[in-house]
Amino acid sequence: MKKEILTPKGGSPVMGCYSPGISVDIGDATFVFVTGQIARHENGDPVAPGDATAQTEFIFKKIVSILEEAGAGVDDVVKAVIYTTDVSKFKEISEVRNKYFASAKPVSTLVEISGTVRKGCEVEIEVIAVKRGEGNVKITVEVPESHAGAVRAAMGEAGAGVIGNYSDCSFSVKGTGRFTPKKGAKPAIGKEGTPEEVFEEQIQMVCKRSKLKAVIASLRAAHPYEEPGIAIYPIEELP
């Protein structure tokens, strides 16, 4: 697990031991937690006192900048909590909120409070976002020995097997694959209803998550089976 403090340039001054945002990379995904944001200038003065629309817009722009520092965006937001000192301005706040969350549609709560930490700041918003991890995964597949070279090459050409300054990195284990084609199957080897044994090679390669879709597509195109046995494992980042 890797934690990173997010402090975008041009943000309001931090008044205590807290962070504007924190990203937590757990390998398979990155969680981004954004501290409650209010509409105030760098000098601490409130932005557009009494104007809920302007304050909400200002806050969302701050939230976007914090999320972007973590490589995320508003479409990755899964939860939002909005505080306001005047719930009668729900319509104005909601219109801005809906503009930014049109795609994300996060779970959301709106609460009326007696005041924020800064007089004149009438809206405060905090969010949690989840971004799919961009780290590496290990992809494994079993393939008849006769097609192992072609499948391995297809995976490598699609972007798998890169470790540092090395390409075409793979590991193989040979063994016996067993299966019985059921009714409706179109087996490349064997017959419907008959148990089959095939000498196979398991290919293991590292793959960046961003290239995984392309690697699987290339693998399937080169593999003789209609249902290849593919497994994906997340890889913990080394310290």
Protein backbone atom coordinates (compact mmCIF):
# COMPACT_ATOMS: atom_id res chain seq x y z
CA MET A 1 0.00 0.00 0.00
CA LYS A 2 1.31 3.45 -0.92
CA LYS A 3 -0.01 6.73 0.52
CA GLU A 4 0.58 10.13 -1.07
CA ILE A 5 -0.41 13.59 0.19
CA LEU A 6 -2.08 15.80 -2.43
CA THR A 7 -1.45 19.54 -2.27
CA PRO A 8 -2.23 21.23 -5.60
CA LYS A 9 -0.66 24.58 -6.44
CA GLY A 10 -2.80 27.66 -5.92
CA GLY A 11 -4.91 26.07 -3.23
CA SER A 12 -6.09 27.75 -0.05
CA PRO A 13 -3.61 27.71 2.86
CA VAL A 14 -3.82 24.68 5.13
CA MET A 15 -4.77 25.68 8.68
CA GLY A 16 -3.56 22.74 10.74
CA CYS A 17 -2.29 19.16 10.55
CA TYR A 18 -4.35 17.87 7.64
CA SER A 19 -4.01 17.38 3.90
CA PRO A 20 -6.25 18.75 1.10
CA GLY A 21 -6.28 15.22 -0.25
CA ILE A 22 -4.66 11.82 0.15
CA SER A 23 -4.35 9.04 -2.42
CA VAL A 24 -3.95 5.46 -1.27
CA ASP A 25 -2.66 3.02 -3.89
CA ILE A 26 -3.57 -0.57 -2.99
CA GLY A 27 -2.27 -1.99 -6.27
CA ASP A 28 -5.50 -3.01 -7.89
CA ALA A 29 -7.04 0.44 -7.34
CA THR A 30 -6.27 3.88 -5.95
CA PHE A 31 -8.58 5.53 -3.41
CA VAL A 32 -8.56 9.33 -3.33
CA PHE A 33 -9.91 11.11 -0.24
CA VAL A 34 -10.55 14.84 -0.54
CA THR A 35 -10.89 16.97 2.58
CA GLY A 36 -13.99 19.15 2.86
CA GLN A 37 -13.39 22.14 0.56
CA ILE A 38 -14.82 25.62 1.04
CA ALA A 39 -14.83 28.63 -1.27
CA ARG A 40 -12.05 30.92 -0.08
CA HIS A 41 -9.26 32.77 -1.80
CA GLU A 42 -5.56 32.15 -1.10
CA ASN A 43 -5.64 35.04 1.38
CA GLY A 44 -8.45 33.33 3.27
CA ASP A 45 -11.28 35.67 2.20
CA PRO A 46 -14.56 33.96 1.19
CA VAL A 47 -15.48 33.77 -2.49
CA ALA A 48 -18.75 35.47 -3.46
CA PRO A 49 -20.43 35.53 -0.01
CA GLY A 50 -24.15 34.78 -0.28
CA ASP A 51 -23.84 33.27 -3.78
CA ALA A 52 -24.29 29.50 -3.40
CA THR A 53 -23.86 28.87 -7.13
CA ALA A 54 -20.53 30.69 -7.36
CA GLN A 55 -19.21 29.06 -4.19
CA THR A 56 -20.21 25.56 -5.29
CA GLU A 57 -18.61 26.08 -8.70
CA PHE A 58 -15.40 27.34 -7.07
CA ILE A 59 -15.31 24.32 -4.75
CA PHE A 60 -15.79 21.81 -7.54
CA LYS A 61 -12.89 23.36 -9.47
CA LYS A 62 -10.71 22.89 -6.37
CA ILE A 63 -11.86 19.28 -6.06
CA VAL A 64 -11.04 18.65 -9.72
CA SER A 65 -7.49 19.98 -9.26
CA ILE A 66 -6.92 17.74 -6.23
CA LEU A 67 -8.28 14.68 -8.02
CA GLU A 68 -6.15 15.42 -11.09
CA GLU A 69 -3.01 15.49 -8.94
CA ALA A 70 -3.80 11.84 -8.13
CA GLY A 71 -4.47 11.03 -11.78
CA ALA A 72 -8.21 10.81 -11.16
CA GLY A 73 -11.24 12.87 -12.17
CA VAL A 74 -14.80 13.66 -11.15
CA ASP A 75 -16.02 10.59 -13.06
CA ASP A 76 -14.10 8.47 -10.51
CA VAL A 77 -16.00 9.95 -7.52
CA VAL A 78 -18.07 7.33 -5.67
CA LYS A 79 -19.22 9.36 -2.64
CA ALA A 80 -19.89 13.04 -1.96
CA VAL A 81 -21.00 14.86 1.18
CA ILE A 82 -22.22 18.44 0.81
CA TYR A 83 -22.67 20.76 3.78
CA THR A 84 -24.54 24.06 3.55
CA THR A 85 -25.51 26.71 6.03
CA ASP A 86 -28.76 27.34 4.15
CA VAL A 87 -30.62 24.30 2.81
CA SER A 88 -33.07 26.60 1.02
CA LYS A 89 -30.27 27.04 -1.55
CA PHE A 90 -30.39 23.35 -2.39
CA LYS A 91 -31.52 24.09 -5.96
CA GLU A 92 -28.52 26.30 -6.75
CA ILE A 93 -26.07 23.86 -5.17
CA SER A 94 -27.68 20.85 -6.85
CA GLU A 95 -27.53 22.38 -10.33
CA VAL A 96 -23.75 22.74 -10.12
CA ARG A 97 -23.36 19.34 -8.47
CA ASN A 98 -25.38 17.64 -11.20
CA LYS A 99 -23.25 19.25 -13.91
CA TYR A 100 -20.05 17.77 -12.49
CA PHE A 101 -21.51 14.40 -11.49
CA ALA A 102 -23.59 13.76 -14.62
CA SER A 103 -21.55 10.63 -15.41
CA ALA A 104 -20.26 9.55 -11.99
CA LYS A 105 -23.63 9.61 -10.18
CA PRO A 106 -21.98 8.99 -6.79
CA VAL A 107 -23.82 8.22 -3.56
CA SER A 108 -24.44 11.63 -2.04
CA THR A 109 -25.55 13.34 1.16
CA LEU A 110 -26.53 16.96 1.75
CA VAL A 111 -26.55 18.27 5.32
CA GLU A 112 -27.53 21.68 6.74
CA ILE A 113 -25.06 22.95 9.34
CA SER A 114 -24.83 26.01 11.55
CA GLY A 115 -21.59 27.22 9.98
CA THR A 116 -18.27 26.37 8.34
CA VAL A 117 -14.77 27.11 9.63
CA ARG A 118 -14.74 30.42 7.71
CA LYS A 119 -17.54 32.97 8.02
CA GLY A 120 -19.05 33.76 4.63
CA CYS A 121 -18.26 30.29 3.26
CA GLU A 122 -21.70 28.73 3.10
CA VAL A 123 -20.93 25.48 1.25
CA GLU A 124 -18.42 22.71 2.01
CA ILE A 125 -17.92 19.55 -0.05
CA GLU A 126 -15.85 16.42 0.54
CA VAL A 127 -15.54 13.46 -1.83
CA ILE A 128 -14.07 9.99 -2.14
CA ALA A 129 -12.95 8.68 -5.53
CA VAL A 130 -11.75 5.27 -6.67
CA LYS A 131 -9.46 4.99 -9.67
CA ARG A 132 -8.55 1.70 -11.31
CA GLY A 133 -4.92 0.94 -10.57
CA GLU A 134 -2.33 1.51 -13.31
CA GLY A 135 0.16 -0.99 -11.91
CA ASN A 136 1.16 -4.38 -13.24
CA VAL A 137 -0.73 -7.64 -13.17
CA LYS A 138 0.37 -11.18 -13.96
CA ILE A 139 -1.57 -12.92 -16.71
CA THR A 140 -1.42 -16.70 -17.08
CA VAL A 141 -2.88 -18.95 -19.74
CA GLU A 142 -2.69 -22.67 -20.56
CA VAL A 143 -2.14 -23.51 -24.23
CA PRO A 144 -1.32 -26.68 -26.19
CA GLU A 145 2.45 -26.97 -26.61
CA SER A 146 2.03 -26.75 -30.38
CA HIS A 147 0.67 -23.19 -30.10
CA ALA A 148 2.70 -21.91 -27.11
CA GLY A 149 5.18 -19.95 -29.22
CA ALA A 150 2.48 -18.18 -31.23
CA VAL A 151 0.46 -17.24 -28.14
CA ARG A 152 3.55 -16.02 -26.28
CA ALA A 153 4.58 -13.88 -29.25
CA ALA A 154 1.07 -12.42 -29.61
CA MET A 155 1.00 -11.43 -25.93
CA GLY A 156 4.42 -9.81 -26.20
CA GLU A 157 3.52 -7.85 -29.33
CA ALA A 158 0.43 -6.50 -27.52
CA GLY A 159 2.56 -5.15 -24.66
CA ALA A 160 2.93 -7.97 -22.11
CA GLY A 161 6.27 -9.20 -20.79
CA VAL A 162 7.95 -5.83 -20.15
CA ILE A 163 9.96 -5.56 -16.91
CA GLY A 164 12.16 -2.47 -16.61
CA ASN A 165 14.51 -2.39 -19.61
CA TYR A 166 13.65 -5.96 -20.63
CA SER A 167 10.98 -7.14 -23.05
CA ASP A 168 9.57 -10.56 -23.97
CA CYS A 169 9.84 -11.68 -20.33
CA SER A 170 7.88 -14.86 -19.62
CA PHE A 171 7.90 -18.04 -17.57
CA SER A 172 6.46 -21.41 -18.56
CA VAL A 173 5.37 -24.57 -16.77
CA LYS A 174 4.46 -27.73 -18.66
CA GLY A 175 1.79 -30.17 -17.57
CA THR A 176 -1.36 -32.01 -18.53
CA GLY A 177 -4.64 -30.19 -19.19
CA ARG A 178 -7.91 -32.09 -18.74
CA PHE A 179 -11.41 -31.19 -19.92
CA THR A 180 -14.63 -32.65 -21.29
CA PRO A 181 -16.39 -30.75 -24.09
CA LYS A 182 -20.09 -30.35 -23.26
CA LYS A 183 -23.01 -30.17 -25.64
CA GLY A 184 -22.74 -27.12 -27.88
CA ALA A 185 -18.95 -26.84 -27.49
CA LYS A 186 -16.70 -26.56 -30.52
CA PRO A 187 -13.44 -28.05 -29.24
CA ALA A 188 -10.22 -27.57 -31.19
CA ILE A 189 -9.09 -30.86 -29.66
CA GLY A 190 -11.31 -33.80 -28.69
CA LYS A 191 -14.99 -34.63 -29.11
CA GLU A 192 -18.21 -33.65 -27.37
CA GLY A 193 -18.84 -35.70 -24.21
CA THR A 194 -15.41 -37.38 -24.24
CA PRO A 195 -12.86 -36.63 -21.50
CA GLU A 196 -9.64 -35.31 -23.01
CA GLU A 197 -6.03 -34.91 -21.88
CA VAL A 198 -3.65 -32.51 -23.63
CA PHE A 199 0.03 -31.71 -23.05
CA GLU A 200 -0.09 -27.98 -22.33
CA GLU A 201 2.21 -25.16 -21.40
CA GLN A 202 1.21 -22.48 -18.90
CA ILE A 203 2.57 -19.09 -19.98
CA GLN A 204 3.06 -16.41 -17.31
CA MET A 205 3.74 -12.78 -18.23
CA VAL A 206 3.66 -9.40 -16.50
CA CYS A 207 1.35 -6.84 -18.06
CA LYS A 208 0.45 -3.22 -17.37
CA ARG A 209 -3.23 -2.95 -16.51
CA SER A 210 -3.69 -0.31 -19.23
CA LYS A 211 -2.58 -2.87 -21.85
CA LEU A 212 -4.51 -5.82 -20.42
CA LYS A 213 -7.50 -5.57 -22.77
CA ALA A 214 -5.27 -5.56 -25.86
CA VAL A 215 -3.14 -8.42 -24.55
CA ILE A 216 -6.19 -10.61 -23.87
CA ALA A 217 -7.61 -9.86 -27.33
CA SER A 218 -4.31 -10.86 -28.99
CA LEU A 219 -4.04 -13.95 -26.81
CA ARG A 220 -7.52 -15.11 -27.79
CA ALA A 221 -6.83 -14.53 -31.49
CA ALA A 222 -3.71 -16.73 -31.37
CA HIS A 223 -5.12 -19.42 -29.05
CA PRO A 224 -6.69 -22.53 -30.62
CA TYR A 225 -9.27 -23.05 -27.83
CA GLU A 226 -12.66 -21.32 -27.91
CA GLU A 227 -12.46 -20.95 -24.10
CA PRO A 228 -8.81 -20.36 -23.05
CA GLY A 229 -8.08 -20.70 -19.34
CA ILE A 230 -6.97 -17.15 -18.51
CA ALA A 231 -6.20 -15.90 -14.99
CA ILE A 232 -5.23 -12.38 -13.85
CA TYR A 233 -3.38 -11.67 -10.59
CA PRO A 234 -2.62 -8.21 -9.13
CA ILE A 235 1.05 -7.55 -8.34
CA GLU A 236 2.12 -5.66 -5.22
CA GLU A 237 4.56 -2.84 -5.96
CA LEU A 238 8.05 -3.56 -4.64
CA PRO A 239 9.50 -1.05 -2.17
